[in-house]
Amino acid sequence: MNGLTGMEKFSHLEDKIYLTIEFAKKLREEKEKIEREAVSLRRDAASLMAENTRLEEKVEKLLSERDAIQLKVEAMLDAMTTIDAEVAEAVGRQQHA
């Protein structure tokens, strides 16, 4: 670079400035793209969190319903066991009579 004239040095500096400007533009565009993606990801995350909350509430409701049904089934089985014992006793009495 020692053998360059003043105009060549100026031209070289001008090229570096334009390259730096282009690089800065590219970085700005990439930054804006990343910011848009971040906004989109935040929106998606909020939507997924809301869906997760909704599903958790639904699971809780279903578990509660399952527990209620289980209690009813157990009560019906207990009633059937009592009826079976009464029927067996009644049949036994009829056979002995």
N, C-alpha and C. Protein backbone atom coordinates (compact mmCIF):
# COMPACT_ATOMS: atom_id res chain seq x y z
N MET A 1 0.82 -1.17 0.00
CA MET A 1 0.00 0.00 0.00
C MET A 1 0.88 1.25 0.00
N ASN A 2 2.14 1.09 0.21
CA ASN A 2 3.06 2.23 0.23
C ASN A 2 3.20 2.87 -1.15
N GLY A 3 3.01 2.07 -2.21
CA GLY A 3 3.18 2.59 -3.55
C GLY A 3 1.92 3.23 -4.10
N LEU A 4 0.86 3.37 -3.33
CA LEU A 4 -0.40 3.92 -3.80
C LEU A 4 -0.37 5.44 -3.79
N THR A 5 -1.04 6.01 -4.77
CA THR A 5 -1.14 7.48 -4.82
C THR A 5 -2.23 7.93 -3.88
N GLY A 6 -2.35 9.23 -3.69
CA GLY A 6 -3.37 9.80 -2.81
C GLY A 6 -4.77 9.43 -3.26
N MET A 7 -5.04 9.48 -4.58
CA MET A 7 -6.37 9.14 -5.10
C MET A 7 -6.66 7.65 -4.91
N GLU A 8 -5.65 6.81 -5.10
CA GLU A 8 -5.85 5.37 -4.92
C GLU A 8 -6.17 5.06 -3.46
N LYS A 9 -5.45 5.75 -2.55
CA LYS A 9 -5.72 5.56 -1.13
C LYS A 9 -7.13 6.01 -0.79
N PHE A 10 -7.53 7.16 -1.35
CA PHE A 10 -8.87 7.68 -1.11
C PHE A 10 -9.91 6.72 -1.66
N SER A 11 -9.68 6.19 -2.86
CA SER A 11 -10.60 5.24 -3.48
C SER A 11 -10.71 3.97 -2.63
N HIS A 12 -9.58 3.53 -2.13
CA HIS A 12 -9.56 2.33 -1.28
C HIS A 12 -10.36 2.59 0.00
N LEU A 13 -10.18 3.77 0.60
CA LEU A 13 -10.92 4.14 1.80
C LEU A 13 -12.40 4.23 1.50
N GLU A 14 -12.74 4.80 0.34
CA GLU A 14 -14.14 4.92 -0.07
C GLU A 14 -14.77 3.53 -0.20
N ASP A 15 -14.06 2.57 -0.79
CA ASP A 15 -14.56 1.20 -0.92
C ASP A 15 -14.82 0.59 0.45
N LYS A 16 -13.90 0.80 1.37
CA LYS A 16 -14.07 0.26 2.73
C LYS A 16 -15.30 0.88 3.40
N ILE A 17 -15.52 2.16 3.20
CA ILE A 17 -16.68 2.83 3.80
C ILE A 17 -17.97 2.25 3.24
N TYR A 18 -18.03 2.08 1.91
CA TYR A 18 -19.23 1.52 1.30
C TYR A 18 -19.47 0.08 1.76
N LEU A 19 -18.41 -0.70 1.87
CA LEU A 19 -18.55 -2.07 2.39
C LEU A 19 -19.06 -2.06 3.82
N THR A 20 -18.56 -1.12 4.63
CA THR A 20 -19.01 -1.00 6.02
C THR A 20 -20.48 -0.61 6.07
N ILE A 21 -20.90 0.31 5.20
CA ILE A 21 -22.31 0.71 5.14
C ILE A 21 -23.19 -0.46 4.76
N GLU A 22 -22.78 -1.23 3.74
CA GLU A 22 -23.55 -2.41 3.32
C GLU A 22 -23.63 -3.43 4.45
N PHE A 23 -22.52 -3.61 5.16
CA PHE A 23 -22.49 -4.55 6.27
C PHE A 23 -23.45 -4.08 7.37
N ALA A 24 -23.46 -2.77 7.66
CA ALA A 24 -24.35 -2.22 8.68
C ALA A 24 -25.81 -2.40 8.26
N LYS A 25 -26.13 -2.20 6.98
CA LYS A 25 -27.50 -2.41 6.48
C LYS A 25 -27.92 -3.87 6.66
N LYS A 26 -27.00 -4.76 6.31
CA LYS A 26 -27.30 -6.19 6.44
C LYS A 26 -27.54 -6.56 7.90
N LEU A 27 -26.71 -6.04 8.80
CA LEU A 27 -26.91 -6.31 10.23
C LEU A 27 -28.24 -5.77 10.72
N ARG A 28 -28.63 -4.57 10.26
CA ARG A 28 -29.90 -3.98 10.66
C ARG A 28 -31.07 -4.84 10.17
N GLU A 29 -30.98 -5.31 8.92
CA GLU A 29 -32.04 -6.17 8.38
C GLU A 29 -32.14 -7.48 9.16
N GLU A 30 -31.00 -8.06 9.49
CA GLU A 30 -31.00 -9.31 10.27
C GLU A 30 -31.58 -9.07 11.67
N LYS A 31 -31.24 -7.92 12.26
CA LYS A 31 -31.76 -7.58 13.58
C LYS A 31 -33.28 -7.44 13.52
N GLU A 32 -33.79 -6.76 12.52
CA GLU A 32 -35.24 -6.59 12.38
C GLU A 32 -35.93 -7.93 12.16
N LYS A 33 -35.30 -8.79 11.37
CA LYS A 33 -35.87 -10.12 11.13
C LYS A 33 -35.91 -10.91 12.44
N ILE A 34 -34.85 -10.86 13.20
CA ILE A 34 -34.79 -11.58 14.48
C ILE A 34 -35.82 -11.02 15.46
N GLU A 35 -35.99 -9.69 15.46
CA GLU A 35 -37.00 -9.09 16.34
C GLU A 35 -38.40 -9.53 15.96
N ARG A 36 -38.68 -9.62 14.66
CA ARG A 36 -40.00 -10.10 14.21
C ARG A 36 -40.19 -11.55 14.63
N GLU A 37 -39.15 -12.35 14.47
CA GLU A 37 -39.24 -13.76 14.88
C GLU A 37 -39.46 -13.87 16.39
N ALA A 38 -38.79 -13.00 17.16
CA ALA A 38 -38.94 -13.03 18.62
C ALA A 38 -40.38 -12.69 19.01
N VAL A 39 -40.96 -11.68 18.35
CA VAL A 39 -42.36 -11.31 18.63
C VAL A 39 -43.27 -12.50 18.31
N SER A 40 -43.02 -13.13 17.17
CA SER A 40 -43.84 -14.28 16.77
C SER A 40 -43.68 -15.43 17.78
N LEU A 41 -42.46 -15.69 18.20
CA LEU A 41 -42.22 -16.76 19.18
C LEU A 41 -42.88 -16.45 20.53
N ARG A 42 -42.83 -15.16 20.93
CA ARG A 42 -43.50 -14.80 22.19
C ARG A 42 -45.00 -15.01 22.08
N ARG A 43 -45.57 -14.64 20.93
CA ARG A 43 -47.00 -14.83 20.71
C ARG A 43 -47.33 -16.33 20.75
N ASP A 44 -46.51 -17.13 20.07
CA ASP A 44 -46.74 -18.57 20.07
C ASP A 44 -46.62 -19.15 21.48
N ALA A 45 -45.63 -18.68 22.23
CA ALA A 45 -45.43 -19.17 23.60
C ALA A 45 -46.63 -18.82 24.47
N ALA A 46 -47.14 -17.60 24.32
CA ALA A 46 -48.31 -17.19 25.10
C ALA A 46 -49.51 -18.05 24.74
N SER A 47 -49.67 -18.32 23.46
CA SER A 47 -50.79 -19.16 23.01
C SER A 47 -50.64 -20.58 23.57
N LEU A 48 -49.43 -21.11 23.52
CA LEU A 48 -49.21 -22.46 24.04
C LEU A 48 -49.41 -22.52 25.56
N MET A 49 -49.03 -21.47 26.26
CA MET A 49 -49.24 -21.45 27.70
C MET A 49 -50.73 -21.42 28.02
N ALA A 50 -51.48 -20.64 27.25
CA ALA A 50 -52.94 -20.59 27.46
C ALA A 50 -53.55 -21.96 27.17
N GLU A 51 -53.11 -22.60 26.10
CA GLU A 51 -53.62 -23.93 25.76
C GLU A 51 -53.25 -24.94 26.84
N ASN A 52 -52.04 -24.83 27.36
CA ASN A 52 -51.60 -25.72 28.44
C ASN A 52 -52.48 -25.54 29.68
N THR A 53 -52.77 -24.30 30.02
CA THR A 53 -53.64 -24.03 31.18
C THR A 53 -55.03 -24.62 30.95
N ARG A 54 -55.56 -24.42 29.75
CA ARG A 54 -56.88 -24.96 29.42
C ARG A 54 -56.88 -26.48 29.55
N LEU A 55 -55.83 -27.12 29.02
CA LEU A 55 -55.75 -28.58 29.09
C LEU A 55 -55.58 -29.08 30.52
N GLU A 56 -54.81 -28.36 31.32
CA GLU A 56 -54.65 -28.75 32.73
C GLU A 56 -55.99 -28.69 33.45
N GLU A 57 -56.77 -27.64 33.17
CA GLU A 57 -58.08 -27.52 33.79
C GLU A 57 -59.00 -28.66 33.35
N LYS A 58 -58.92 -29.02 32.07
CA LYS A 58 -59.75 -30.11 31.54
C LYS A 58 -59.35 -31.43 32.19
N VAL A 59 -58.05 -31.67 32.34
CA VAL A 59 -57.58 -32.90 32.98
C VAL A 59 -58.08 -32.96 34.42
N GLU A 60 -58.00 -31.83 35.14
CA GLU A 60 -58.49 -31.79 36.52
C GLU A 60 -59.98 -32.13 36.56
N LYS A 61 -60.75 -31.56 35.64
CA LYS A 61 -62.18 -31.82 35.59
C LYS A 61 -62.44 -33.31 35.31
N LEU A 62 -61.70 -33.86 34.34
CA LEU A 62 -61.89 -35.27 33.99
C LEU A 62 -61.50 -36.19 35.14
N LEU A 63 -60.43 -35.85 35.84
CA LEU A 63 -60.02 -36.66 37.00
C LEU A 63 -61.08 -36.60 38.09
N SER A 64 -61.65 -35.43 38.28
CA SER A 64 -62.72 -35.28 39.28
C SER A 64 -63.94 -36.11 38.89
N GLU A 65 -64.30 -36.05 37.61
CA GLU A 65 -65.44 -36.85 37.13
C GLU A 65 -65.14 -38.34 37.28
N ARG A 66 -63.91 -38.73 36.96
CA ARG A 66 -63.53 -40.13 37.10
C ARG A 66 -63.67 -40.59 38.55
N ASP A 67 -63.22 -39.76 39.49
CA ASP A 67 -63.32 -40.11 40.91
C ASP A 67 -64.78 -40.25 41.33
N ALA A 68 -65.64 -39.34 40.84
CA ALA A 68 -67.07 -39.41 41.18
C ALA A 68 -67.68 -40.69 40.62
N ILE A 69 -67.34 -41.03 39.38
CA ILE A 69 -67.87 -42.25 38.76
C ILE A 69 -67.36 -43.48 39.50
N GLN A 70 -66.10 -43.45 39.89
CA GLN A 70 -65.52 -44.58 40.62
C GLN A 70 -66.27 -44.80 41.93
N LEU A 71 -66.58 -43.72 42.63
CA LEU A 71 -67.33 -43.85 43.89
C LEU A 71 -68.72 -44.44 43.64
N LYS A 72 -69.38 -44.00 42.56
CA LYS A 72 -70.71 -44.52 42.23
C LYS A 72 -70.63 -46.00 41.87
N VAL A 73 -69.64 -46.39 41.10
CA VAL A 73 -69.49 -47.80 40.72
C VAL A 73 -69.23 -48.66 41.95
N GLU A 74 -68.37 -48.18 42.84
CA GLU A 74 -68.10 -48.92 44.07
C GLU A 74 -69.37 -49.07 44.91
N ALA A 75 -70.17 -48.00 44.97
CA ALA A 75 -71.43 -48.07 45.72
C ALA A 75 -72.38 -49.08 45.09
N MET A 76 -72.45 -49.09 43.74
CA MET A 76 -73.31 -50.06 43.06
C MET A 76 -72.81 -51.49 43.28
N LEU A 77 -71.49 -51.69 43.25
CA LEU A 77 -70.95 -53.03 43.50
C LEU A 77 -71.26 -53.48 44.93
N ASP A 78 -71.13 -52.57 45.89
CA ASP A 78 -71.47 -52.90 47.27
C ASP A 78 -72.96 -53.27 47.37
N ALA A 79 -73.81 -52.52 46.69
CA ALA A 79 -75.25 -52.81 46.71
C ALA A 79 -75.52 -54.17 46.08
N MET A 80 -74.83 -54.47 44.97
CA MET A 80 -75.02 -55.77 44.31
C MET A 80 -74.56 -56.91 45.22
N THR A 81 -73.46 -56.70 45.95
CA THR A 81 -72.96 -57.72 46.86
C THR A 81 -74.00 -57.97 47.96
N THR A 82 -74.60 -56.92 48.46
CA THR A 82 -75.64 -57.05 49.50
C THR A 82 -76.84 -57.78 48.93
N ILE A 83 -77.25 -57.42 47.71
CA ILE A 83 -78.41 -58.08 47.08
C ILE A 83 -78.09 -59.56 46.85
N ASP A 84 -76.87 -59.86 46.37
CA ASP A 84 -76.49 -61.25 46.13
C ASP A 84 -76.55 -62.06 47.42
N ALA A 85 -76.10 -61.48 48.50
CA ALA A 85 -76.14 -62.18 49.78
C ALA A 85 -77.58 -62.41 50.22
N GLU A 86 -78.45 -61.42 50.03
CA GLU A 86 -79.86 -61.56 50.40
C GLU A 86 -80.55 -62.60 49.51
N VAL A 87 -80.23 -62.60 48.22
CA VAL A 87 -80.82 -63.59 47.30
C VAL A 87 -80.35 -64.98 47.69
N ALA A 88 -79.07 -65.13 47.97
CA ALA A 88 -78.55 -66.44 48.36
C ALA A 88 -79.21 -66.92 49.64
N GLU A 89 -79.42 -66.02 50.58
CA GLU A 89 -80.06 -66.40 51.83
C GLU A 89 -81.53 -66.79 51.58
N ALA A 90 -82.22 -66.04 50.73
CA ALA A 90 -83.62 -66.33 50.43
C ALA A 90 -83.71 -67.69 49.71
N VAL A 91 -82.81 -67.95 48.80
CA VAL A 91 -82.82 -69.24 48.07
C VAL A 91 -82.54 -70.36 49.06
N GLY A 92 -81.64 -70.12 49.98
CA GLY A 92 -81.33 -71.13 50.97
C GLY A 92 -82.52 -71.44 51.86
N ARG A 93 -83.31 -70.45 52.18
CA ARG A 93 -84.48 -70.66 53.01
C ARG A 93 -85.53 -71.45 52.25
N GLN A 94 -85.67 -71.15 50.96
CA GLN A 94 -86.67 -71.86 50.17
C GLN A 94 -86.30 -73.33 50.02
N GLN A 95 -85.06 -73.61 49.90
CA GLN A 95 -84.64 -74.99 49.73
C GLN A 95 -84.82 -75.78 51.02
N HIS A 96 -84.69 -75.16 52.14
CA HIS A 96 -84.86 -75.83 53.42
C HIS A 96 -86.32 -75.93 53.83
N ALA A 97 -87.18 -75.22 53.19
CA ALA A 97 -88.58 -75.23 53.60
C ALA A 97 -89.38 -76.34 53.00
